[in-house]
């Protein structure tokens, strides 16, 4: 399992349009390659989505 590939897969649609230019800037200012920066950004988007879903489920269960 390649973590860089997994993170980059999370960048699709509007996330890709936002993430790609940001990743280029990050790679210019850090030691990360553009692909690694895209993976980190993709993982952050994925984590944010998971947290949103978890909070939504918790709220639904709490309000039953």
Protein backbone atom coordinates (compact mmCIF):
# COMPACT_ATOMS: atom_id res chain seq x y z
CA UNK A 1 0.00 0.00 0.00
CA UNK A 2 1.49 3.30 -1.11
CA UNK A 3 0.51 6.16 1.21
CA UNK A 4 1.43 8.82 -1.33
CA UNK A 5 -0.83 7.26 -3.93
CA UNK A 6 -3.68 6.91 -1.45
CA UNK A 7 -3.45 10.57 -0.41
CA UNK A 8 -3.35 11.75 -4.00
CA UNK A 9 -6.48 9.71 -4.79
CA UNK A 10 -8.40 11.85 -2.29
CA UNK A 11 -7.75 14.87 -4.50
CA UNK A 12 -10.51 14.76 -7.09
CA UNK A 13 -12.91 17.31 -8.48
CA UNK A 14 -12.79 20.68 -6.77
CA UNK A 15 -10.28 19.33 -4.22
CA UNK A 16 -7.86 18.66 -7.05
CA UNK A 17 -8.35 22.16 -8.45
CA UNK A 18 -7.56 23.60 -5.02
CA UNK A 19 -4.96 21.08 -3.90
CA UNK A 20 -2.71 20.98 -6.93
CA UNK A 21 -1.65 24.66 -6.97
CA UNK A 22 -1.29 24.64 -3.19
CA UNK A 23 0.86 21.50 -3.41
CA UNK A 24 3.13 23.14 -5.97
CA UNK A 25 3.68 26.11 -3.67
CA UNK A 26 4.27 23.85 -0.67
CA UNK A 27 6.80 21.78 -2.63
CA UNK A 28 8.69 24.91 -3.62
CA UNK A 29 8.98 26.00 0.00
CA UNK A 30 9.68 22.62 1.61
CA UNK A 31 11.58 19.43 0.97
CA UNK A 32 8.42 17.66 -0.14
CA UNK A 33 7.91 16.75 -3.77
CA UNK A 34 4.74 17.96 -5.44
CA UNK A 35 3.34 14.42 -5.26
CA UNK A 36 4.06 14.18 -1.53
CA UNK A 37 2.48 17.57 -0.89
CA UNK A 38 -0.60 16.49 -2.86
CA UNK A 39 -0.75 13.34 -0.72
CA UNK A 40 -0.65 15.34 2.51
CA UNK A 41 -3.34 17.72 1.28
CA UNK A 42 -5.47 14.82 0.04
CA UNK A 43 -5.13 13.06 3.38
CA UNK A 44 -6.18 16.26 5.17
CA UNK A 45 -9.30 16.54 2.99
CA UNK A 46 -10.07 12.86 3.59
CA UNK A 47 -9.66 13.22 7.35
CA UNK A 48 -11.88 16.31 7.39
CA UNK A 49 -14.58 14.37 5.53
CA UNK A 50 -14.36 11.43 7.93
CA UNK A 51 -14.62 13.75 10.94
CA UNK A 52 -17.63 15.51 9.42
CA UNK A 53 -19.41 12.20 8.84
CA UNK A 54 -18.55 10.96 12.34
CA UNK A 55 -19.88 14.14 13.94
CA UNK A 56 -23.06 13.91 11.87
CA UNK A 57 -23.64 10.30 12.87
CA UNK A 58 -22.96 11.14 16.52
CA UNK A 59 -25.49 13.99 16.39
CA UNK A 60 -28.14 11.74 14.84
CA UNK A 61 -27.59 9.05 17.44
CA UNK A 62 -27.63 11.59 20.27
CA UNK A 63 -30.96 13.08 19.11
CA UNK A 64 -32.82 9.77 18.95
